[in-house]
Amino acid sequence: MIARLVNFFGDDRYKRLRWRLLLLVLFLIVLADVLVPRPHVEHVWDAIPGWSAAFGFISCVAIIFISKFIGHSCGIMRDEDYYD
């Protein structure tokens, strides 16, 4: 069971299927966010359908780019052979 799962995520043969599954899951998340009623929202943007999914995705992308920027420009990342 574990070997099949590792092969699914590590093998290039399943690349297209993995992308389709990812897009399906993303679509289902946005669909669920649209279908859930929100009678009492605290902020105006909470009433926008799909806002939570879009905000989560944008936040994750921002965290990745900011951490890469900090790592490369502030000298946190080192070469592979830095300690050799």
PDB file of N, CA and C in Angstrom:
ATOM      1  N   MET A   1       0.818  -1.191   0.000  1.00  0.00           N
ATOM      2  CA  MET A   1       0.000   0.000   0.000  1.00  0.00           C
ATOM      3  C   MET A   1       0.868   1.264   0.000  1.00  0.00           C
ATOM      4  N   ILE A   2       1.834   1.306   0.916  1.00  0.00           N
ATOM      5  CA  ILE A   2       2.722   2.470   0.998  1.00  0.00           C
ATOM      6  C   ILE A   2       3.574   2.566  -0.259  1.00  0.00           C
ATOM      7  N   ALA A   3       4.027   1.432  -0.768  1.00  0.00           N
ATOM      8  CA  ALA A   3       4.860   1.441  -1.976  1.00  0.00           C
ATOM      9  C   ALA A   3       4.081   1.997  -3.168  1.00  0.00           C
ATOM     10  N   ARG A   4       2.802   1.645  -3.270  1.00  0.00           N
ATOM     11  CA  ARG A   4       1.991   2.169  -4.370  1.00  0.00           C
ATOM     12  C   ARG A   4       1.815   3.678  -4.244  1.00  0.00           C
ATOM     13  N   LEU A   5       1.636   4.150  -3.015  1.00  0.00           N
ATOM     14  CA  LEU A   5       1.473   5.582  -2.774  1.00  0.00           C
ATOM     15  C   LEU A   5       2.755   6.341  -3.096  1.00  0.00           C
ATOM     16  N   VAL A   6       3.897   5.795  -2.679  1.00  0.00           N
ATOM     17  CA  VAL A   6       5.183   6.429  -2.976  1.00  0.00           C
ATOM     18  C   VAL A   6       5.431   6.445  -4.475  1.00  0.00           C
ATOM     19  N   ASN A   7       5.108   5.352  -5.155  1.00  0.00           N
ATOM     20  CA  ASN A   7       5.280   5.310  -6.610  1.00  0.00           C
ATOM     21  C   ASN A   7       4.361   6.306  -7.309  1.00  0.00           C
ATOM     22  N   PHE A   8       3.166   6.491  -6.776  1.00  0.00           N
ATOM     23  CA  PHE A   8       2.237   7.444  -7.386  1.00  0.00           C
ATOM     24  C   PHE A   8       2.781   8.869  -7.317  1.00  0.00           C
ATOM     25  N   PHE A   9       3.348   9.249  -6.176  1.00  0.00           N
ATOM     26  CA  PHE A   9       3.840  10.611  -6.032  1.00  0.00           C
ATOM     27  C   PHE A   9       5.253  10.792  -6.563  1.00  0.00           C
ATOM     28  N   GLY A  10       5.999   9.722  -6.764  1.00  0.00           N
ATOM     29  CA  GLY A  10       7.379   9.856  -7.210  1.00  0.00           C
ATOM     30  C   GLY A  10       7.616   9.542  -8.668  1.00  0.00           C
ATOM     31  N   ASP A  11       6.687   8.864  -9.302  1.00  0.00           N
ATOM     32  CA  ASP A  11       6.885   8.423 -10.680  1.00  0.00           C
ATOM     33  C   ASP A  11       6.329   9.451 -11.657  1.00  0.00           C
ATOM     34  N   ASP A  12       7.075   9.706 -12.721  1.00  0.00           N
ATOM     35  CA  ASP A  12       6.644  10.688 -13.733  1.00  0.00           C
ATOM     36  C   ASP A  12       5.484  10.187 -14.577  1.00  0.00           C
ATOM     37  N   ARG A  13       5.211   8.878 -14.537  1.00  0.00           N
ATOM     38  CA  ARG A  13       4.088   8.353 -15.323  1.00  0.00           C
ATOM     39  C   ARG A  13       2.757   8.916 -14.840  1.00  0.00           C
ATOM     40  N   TYR A  14       2.670   9.256 -13.574  1.00  0.00           N
ATOM     41  CA  TYR A  14       1.414   9.723 -12.982  1.00  0.00           C
ATOM     42  C   TYR A  14       1.340  11.247 -12.878  1.00  0.00           C
ATOM     43  N   LYS A  15       2.231  11.947 -13.558  1.00  0.00           N
ATOM     44  CA  LYS A  15       2.279  13.406 -13.442  1.00  0.00           C
ATOM     45  C   LYS A  15       0.972  14.056 -13.891  1.00  0.00           C
ATOM     46  N   ARG A  16       0.451  13.625 -15.025  1.00  0.00           N
ATOM     47  CA  ARG A  16      -0.793  14.201 -15.547  1.00  0.00           C
ATOM     48  C   ARG A  16      -1.974  13.907 -14.611  1.00  0.00           C
ATOM     49  N   LEU A  17      -2.023  12.698 -14.082  1.00  0.00           N
ATOM     50  CA  LEU A  17      -3.097  12.328 -13.159  1.00  0.00           C
ATOM     51  C   LEU A  17      -3.006  13.130 -11.861  1.00  0.00           C
ATOM     52  N   ARG A  18      -1.791  13.354 -11.374  1.00  0.00           N
ATOM     53  CA  ARG A  18      -1.622  14.163 -10.156  1.00  0.00           C
ATOM     54  C   ARG A  18      -2.118  15.579 -10.381  1.00  0.00           C
ATOM     55  N   TRP A  19      -1.807  16.176 -11.534  1.00  0.00           N
ATOM     56  CA  TRP A  19      -2.280  17.532 -11.818  1.00  0.00           C
ATOM     57  C   TRP A  19      -3.806  17.577 -11.899  1.00  0.00           C
ATOM     58  N   ARG A  20      -4.393  16.558 -12.529  1.00  0.00           N
ATOM     59  CA  ARG A  20      -5.855  16.523 -12.624  1.00  0.00           C
ATOM     60  C   ARG A  20      -6.494  16.394 -11.244  1.00  0.00           C
ATOM     61  N   LEU A  21      -5.906  15.547 -10.395  1.00  0.00           N
ATOM     62  CA  LEU A  21      -6.434  15.409  -9.033  1.00  0.00           C
ATOM     63  C   LEU A  21      -6.288  16.704  -8.245  1.00  0.00           C
ATOM     64  N   LEU A  22      -5.167  17.391  -8.399  1.00  0.00           N
ATOM     65  CA  LEU A  22      -4.962  18.665  -7.720  1.00  0.00           C
ATOM     66  C   LEU A  22      -6.009  19.687  -8.157  1.00  0.00           C
ATOM     67  N   LEU A  23      -6.227  19.794  -9.452  1.00  0.00           N
ATOM     68  CA  LEU A  23      -7.217  20.754  -9.950  1.00  0.00           C
ATOM     69  C   LEU A  23      -8.629  20.380  -9.512  1.00  0.00           C
ATOM     70  N   LEU A  24      -8.917  19.078  -9.450  1.00  0.00           N
ATOM     71  CA  LEU A  24     -10.224  18.636  -8.976  1.00  0.00           C
ATOM     72  C   LEU A  24     -10.429  19.011  -7.512  1.00  0.00           C
ATOM     73  N   VAL A  25      -9.421  18.793  -6.688  1.00  0.00           N
ATOM     74  CA  VAL A  25      -9.526  19.138  -5.270  1.00  0.00           C
ATOM     75  C   VAL A  25      -9.681  20.647  -5.099  1.00  0.00           C
ATOM     76  N   LEU A  26      -8.911  21.433  -5.850  1.00  0.00           N
ATOM     77  CA  LEU A  26      -9.042  22.887  -5.772  1.00  0.00           C
ATOM     78  C   LEU A  26     -10.433  23.346  -6.187  1.00  0.00           C
ATOM     79  N   PHE A  27     -10.955  22.748  -7.245  1.00  0.00           N
ATOM     80  CA  PHE A  27     -12.306  23.088  -7.699  1.00  0.00           C
ATOM     81  C   PHE A  27     -13.346  22.741  -6.635  1.00  0.00           C
ATOM     82  N   LEU A  28     -13.193  21.572  -6.012  1.00  0.00           N
ATOM     83  CA  LEU A  28     -14.142  21.173  -4.973  1.00  0.00           C
ATOM     84  C   LEU A  28     -14.081  22.090  -3.759  1.00  0.00           C
ATOM     85  N   ILE A  29     -12.899  22.575  -3.422  1.00  0.00           N
ATOM     86  CA  ILE A  29     -12.772  23.498  -2.298  1.00  0.00           C
ATOM     87  C   ILE A  29     -13.487  24.816  -2.601  1.00  0.00           C
ATOM     88  N   VAL A  30     -13.267  25.340  -3.806  1.00  0.00           N
ATOM     89  CA  VAL A  30     -13.934  26.597  -4.179  1.00  0.00           C
ATOM     90  C   VAL A  30     -15.444  26.378  -4.275  1.00  0.00           C
ATOM     91  N   LEU A  31     -15.869  25.243  -4.816  1.00  0.00           N
ATOM     92  CA  LEU A  31     -17.296  24.942  -4.905  1.00  0.00           C
ATOM     93  C   LEU A  31     -17.930  24.853  -3.516  1.00  0.00           C
ATOM     94  N   ALA A  32     -17.246  24.192  -2.590  1.00  0.00           N
ATOM     95  CA  ALA A  32     -17.765  24.108  -1.224  1.00  0.00           C
ATOM     96  C   ALA A  32     -17.839  25.486  -0.582  1.00  0.00           C
ATOM     97  N   ASP A  33     -16.864  26.320  -0.886  1.00  0.00           N
ATOM     98  CA  ASP A  33     -16.871  27.677  -0.326  1.00  0.00           C
ATOM     99  C   ASP A  33     -18.024  28.494  -0.902  1.00  0.00           C
ATOM    100  N   VAL A  34     -18.391  28.244  -2.138  1.00  0.00           N
ATOM    101  CA  VAL A  34     -19.501  28.970  -2.765  1.00  0.00           C
ATOM    102  C   VAL A  34     -20.845  28.476  -2.223  1.00  0.00           C
ATOM    103  N   LEU A  35     -20.961  27.175  -1.981  1.00  0.00           N
ATOM    104  CA  LEU A  35     -22.244  26.598  -1.591  1.00  0.00           C
ATOM    105  C   LEU A  35     -22.588  26.786  -0.114  1.00  0.00           C
ATOM    106  N   VAL A  36     -21.613  27.053   0.711  1.00  0.00           N
ATOM    107  CA  VAL A  36     -21.885  27.212   2.145  1.00  0.00           C
ATOM    108  C   VAL A  36     -22.517  28.585   2.378  1.00  0.00           C
ATOM    109  N   PRO A  37     -23.697  28.626   2.979  1.00  0.00           N
ATOM    110  CA  PRO A  37     -24.326  29.930   3.229  1.00  0.00           C
ATOM    111  C   PRO A  37     -23.616  30.684   4.354  1.00  0.00           C
ATOM    112  N   ARG A  38     -23.571  31.982   4.218  1.00  0.00           N
ATOM    113  CA  ARG A  38     -22.933  32.842   5.219  1.00  0.00           C
ATOM    114  C   ARG A  38     -23.886  33.953   5.621  1.00  0.00           C
ATOM    115  N   PRO A  39     -24.796  33.663   6.517  1.00  0.00           N
ATOM    116  CA  PRO A  39     -25.764  34.695   6.901  1.00  0.00           C
ATOM    117  C   PRO A  39     -25.168  35.787   7.777  1.00  0.00           C
ATOM    118  N   HIS A  40     -24.159  35.449   8.573  1.00  0.00           N
ATOM    119  CA  HIS A  40     -23.574  36.431   9.486  1.00  0.00           C
ATOM    120  C   HIS A  40     -22.074  36.512   9.228  1.00  0.00           C
ATOM    121  N   VAL A  41     -21.657  37.517   8.487  1.00  0.00           N
ATOM    122  CA  VAL A  41     -20.234  37.700   8.219  1.00  0.00           C
ATOM    123  C   VAL A  41     -19.735  38.916   8.984  1.00  0.00           C
ATOM    124  N   GLU A  42     -18.488  38.843   9.406  1.00  0.00           N
ATOM    125  CA  GLU A  42     -17.913  39.963  10.146  1.00  0.00           C
ATOM    126  C   GLU A  42     -17.392  41.052   9.221  1.00  0.00           C
ATOM    127  N   HIS A  43     -16.797  40.643   8.113  1.00  0.00           N
ATOM    128  CA  HIS A  43     -16.203  41.601   7.179  1.00  0.00           C
ATOM    129  C   HIS A  43     -16.871  41.461   5.814  1.00  0.00           C
ATOM    130  N   VAL A  44     -16.776  42.496   5.022  1.00  0.00           N
ATOM    131  CA  VAL A  44     -17.419  42.512   3.707  1.00  0.00           C
ATOM    132  C   VAL A  44     -16.835  41.430   2.807  1.00  0.00           C
ATOM    133  N   TRP A  45     -15.521  41.238   2.864  1.00  0.00           N
ATOM    134  CA  TRP A  45     -14.879  40.284   1.958  1.00  0.00           C
ATOM    135  C   TRP A  45     -15.207  38.834   2.319  1.00  0.00           C
ATOM    136  N   ASP A  46     -15.688  38.577   3.512  1.00  0.00           N
ATOM    137  CA  ASP A  46     -16.084  37.219   3.873  1.00  0.00           C
ATOM    138  C   ASP A  46     -17.324  36.761   3.099  1.00  0.00           C
ATOM    139  N   ALA A  47     -18.100  37.674   2.587  1.00  0.00           N
ATOM    140  CA  ALA A  47     -19.304  37.324   1.832  1.00  0.00           C
ATOM    141  C   ALA A  47     -19.004  37.012   0.369  1.00  0.00           C
ATOM    142  N   ILE A  48     -17.785  37.268  -0.096  1.00  0.00           N
ATOM    143  CA  ILE A  48     -17.416  37.000  -1.488  1.00  0.00           C
ATOM    144  C   ILE A  48     -17.218  35.496  -1.663  1.00  0.00           C
ATOM    145  N   PRO A  49     -17.911  34.878  -2.629  1.00  0.00           N
ATOM    146  CA  PRO A  49     -17.735  33.438  -2.847  1.00  0.00           C
ATOM    147  C   PRO A  49     -16.312  33.126  -3.318  1.00  0.00           C
ATOM    148  N   GLY A  50     -15.709  32.144  -2.703  1.00  0.00           N
ATOM    149  CA  GLY A  50     -14.366  31.737  -3.083  1.00  0.00           C
ATOM    150  C   GLY A  50     -13.261  32.552  -2.444  1.00  0.00           C
ATOM    151  N   TRP A  51     -13.606  33.502  -1.596  1.00  0.00           N
ATOM    152  CA  TRP A  51     -12.604  34.375  -0.989  1.00  0.00           C
ATOM    153  C   TRP A  51     -11.616  33.596  -0.131  1.00  0.00           C
ATOM    154  N   SER A  52     -12.113  32.681   0.675  1.00  0.00           N
ATOM    155  CA  SER A  52     -11.242  31.927   1.577  1.00  0.00           C
ATOM    156  C   SER A  52     -10.216  31.105   0.807  1.00  0.00           C
ATOM    157  N   ALA A  53     -10.652  30.448  -0.257  1.00  0.00           N
ATOM    158  CA  ALA A  53      -9.740  29.633  -1.065  1.00  0.00           C
ATOM    159  C   ALA A  53      -8.704  30.516  -1.759  1.00  0.00           C
ATOM    160  N   ALA A  54      -9.138  31.624  -2.322  1.00  0.00           N
ATOM    161  CA  ALA A  54      -8.211  32.527  -3.012  1.00  0.00           C
ATOM    162  C   ALA A  54      -7.226  33.151  -2.024  1.00  0.00           C
ATOM    163  N   PHE A  55      -7.703  33.567  -0.871  1.00  0.00           N
ATOM    164  CA  PHE A  55      -6.832  34.158   0.130  1.00  0.00           C
ATOM    165  C   PHE A  55      -5.806  33.151   0.641  1.00  0.00           C
ATOM    166  N   GLY A  56      -6.230  31.914   0.862  1.00  0.00           N
ATOM    167  CA  GLY A  56      -5.304  30.873   1.302  1.00  0.00           C
ATOM    168  C   GLY A  56      -4.237  30.587   0.264  1.00  0.00           C
ATOM    169  N   PHE A  57      -4.624  30.511  -1.006  1.00  0.00           N
ATOM    170  CA  PHE A  57      -3.659  30.246  -2.069  1.00  0.00           C
ATOM    171  C   PHE A  57      -2.671  31.400  -2.208  1.00  0.00           C
ATOM    172  N   ILE A  58      -3.168  32.618  -2.215  1.00  0.00           N
ATOM    173  CA  ILE A  58      -2.292  33.789  -2.345  1.00  0.00           C
ATOM    174  C   ILE A  58      -1.356  33.893  -1.144  1.00  0.00           C
ATOM    175  N   SER A  59      -1.853  33.567   0.046  1.00  0.00           N
ATOM    176  CA  SER A  59      -1.006  33.608   1.237  1.00  0.00           C
ATOM    177  C   SER A  59       0.120  32.584   1.155  1.00  0.00           C
ATOM    178  N   CYS A  60      -0.178  31.386   0.711  1.00  0.00           N
ATOM    179  CA  CYS A  60       0.864  30.351   0.578  1.00  0.00           C
ATOM    180  C   CYS A  60       1.919  30.762  -0.436  1.00  0.00           C
ATOM    181  N   VAL A  61       1.501  31.288  -1.575  1.00  0.00           N
ATOM    182  CA  VAL A  61       2.458  31.734  -2.594  1.00  0.00           C
ATOM    183  C   VAL A  61       3.308  32.881  -2.050  1.00  0.00           C
ATOM    184  N   ALA A  62       2.693  33.801  -1.317  1.00  0.00           N
ATOM    185  CA  ALA A  62       3.445  34.920  -0.744  1.00  0.00           C
ATOM    186  C   ALA A  62       4.470  34.434   0.279  1.00  0.00           C
ATOM    187  N   ILE A  63       4.108  33.464   1.107  1.00  0.00           N
ATOM    188  CA  ILE A  63       5.055  32.920   2.083  1.00  0.00           C
ATOM    189  C   ILE A  63       6.249  32.299   1.386  1.00  0.00           C
ATOM    190  N   ILE A  64       6.011  31.569   0.306  1.00  0.00           N
ATOM    191  CA  ILE A  64       7.111  30.934  -0.428  1.00  0.00           C
ATOM    192  C   ILE A  64       8.036  31.980  -1.013  1.00  0.00           C
ATOM    193  N   PHE A  65       7.490  32.989  -1.687  1.00  0.00           N
ATOM    194  CA  PHE A  65       8.339  33.995  -2.330  1.00  0.00           C
ATOM    195  C   PHE A  65       9.072  34.873  -1.307  1.00  0.00           C
ATOM    196  N   ILE A  66       8.411  35.222  -0.234  1.00  0.00           N
ATOM    197  CA  ILE A  66       9.069  36.042   0.790  1.00  0.00           C
ATOM    198  C   ILE A  66      10.191  35.266   1.461  1.00  0.00           C
ATOM    199  N   SER A  67       9.971  33.987   1.764  1.00  0.00           N
ATOM    200  CA  SER A  67      11.028  33.201   2.395  1.00  0.00           C
ATOM    201  C   SER A  67      12.200  32.983   1.450  1.00  0.00           C
ATOM    202  N   LYS A  68      11.935  32.792   0.170  1.00  0.00           N
ATOM    203  CA  LYS A  68      13.031  32.670  -0.797  1.00  0.00           C
ATOM    204  C   LYS A  68      13.801  33.985  -0.906  1.00  0.00           C
ATOM    205  N   PHE A  69      13.095  35.109  -0.904  1.00  0.00           N
ATOM    206  CA  PHE A  69      13.757  36.405  -0.965  1.00  0.00           C
ATOM    207  C   PHE A  69      14.644  36.623   0.252  1.00  0.00           C
ATOM    208  N   ILE A  70      14.113  36.327   1.425  1.00  0.00           N
ATOM    209  CA  ILE A  70      14.897  36.495   2.653  1.00  0.00           C
ATOM    210  C   ILE A  70      16.104  35.562   2.643  1.00  0.00           C
ATOM    211  N   GLY A  71      15.900  34.338   2.216  1.00  0.00           N
ATOM    212  CA  GLY A  71      16.989  33.374   2.202  1.00  0.00           C
ATOM    213  C   GLY A  71      18.109  33.758   1.261  1.00  0.00           C
ATOM    214  N   HIS A  72      17.763  34.264   0.087  1.00  0.00           N
ATOM    215  CA  HIS A  72      18.789  34.600  -0.900  1.00  0.00           C
ATOM    216  C   HIS A  72      19.426  35.966  -0.658  1.00  0.00           C
ATOM    217  N   SER A  73      18.641  36.955  -0.284  1.00  0.00           N
ATOM    218  CA  SER A  73      19.191  38.305  -0.193  1.00  0.00           C
ATOM    219  C   SER A  73      19.798  38.637   1.164  1.00  0.00           C
ATOM    220  N   CYS A  74      19.372  37.973   2.206  1.00  0.00           N
ATOM    221  CA  CYS A  74      19.875  38.293   3.545  1.00  0.00           C
ATOM    222  C   CYS A  74      21.006  37.383   3.994  1.00  0.00           C
ATOM    223  N   GLY A  75      21.433  36.509   3.133  1.00  0.00           N
ATOM    224  CA  GLY A  75      22.576  35.664   3.462  1.00  0.00           C
ATOM    225  C   GLY A  75      22.257  34.488   4.353  1.00  0.00           C
ATOM    226  N   ILE A  76      21.013  34.109   4.466  1.00  0.00           N
ATOM    227  CA  ILE A  76      20.661  32.955   5.296  1.00  0.00           C
ATOM    228  C   ILE A  76      21.039  31.660   4.588  1.00  0.00           C
ATOM    229  N   MET A  77      20.770  31.580   3.278  1.00  0.00           N
ATOM    230  CA  MET A  77      21.131  30.381   2.523  1.00  0.00           C
ATOM    231  C   MET A  77      22.619  30.394   2.219  1.00  0.00           C
ATOM    232  N   ARG A  78      23.217  29.233   2.296  1.00  0.00           N
ATOM    233  CA  ARG A  78      24.634  29.068   2.005  1.00  0.00           C
ATOM    234  C   ARG A  78      24.808  28.060   0.880  1.00  0.00           C
ATOM    235  N   ASP A  79      25.990  28.069   0.272  1.00  0.00           N
ATOM    236  CA  ASP A  79      26.299  27.077  -0.748  1.00  0.00           C
ATOM    237  C   ASP A  79      26.362  25.689  -0.115  1.00  0.00           C
ATOM    238  N   GLU A  80      26.291  24.659  -0.972  1.00  0.00           N
ATOM    239  CA  GLU A  80      26.346  23.290  -0.465  1.00  0.00           C
ATOM    240  C   GLU A  80      27.649  23.001   0.257  1.00  0.00           C
ATOM    241  N   ASP A  81      28.743  23.522  -0.255  1.00  0.00           N
ATOM    242  CA  ASP A  81      30.045  23.221   0.321  1.00  0.00           C
ATOM    243  C   ASP A  81      30.553  24.349   1.236  1.00  0.00           C
ATOM    244  N   TYR A  82      29.664  25.058   1.874  1.00  0.00           N
ATOM    245  CA  TYR A  82      30.021  26.180   2.725  1.00  0.00           C
ATOM    246  C   TYR A  82      30.851  25.723   3.926  1.00  0.00           C
ATOM    247  N   TYR A  83      30.477  24.593   4.535  1.00  0.00           N
ATOM    248  CA  TYR A  83      31.171  24.134   5.743  1.00  0.00           C
ATOM    249  C   TYR A  83      32.323  23.176   5.443  1.00  0.00           C
ATOM    250  N   ASP A  84      32.576  22.846   4.212  1.00  0.00           N
ATOM    251  CA  ASP A  84      33.665  21.910   3.871  1.00  0.00           C
ATOM    252  C   ASP A  84      35.001  22.559   3.838  1.00  0.00           C
TER     253      ASP A  84
END
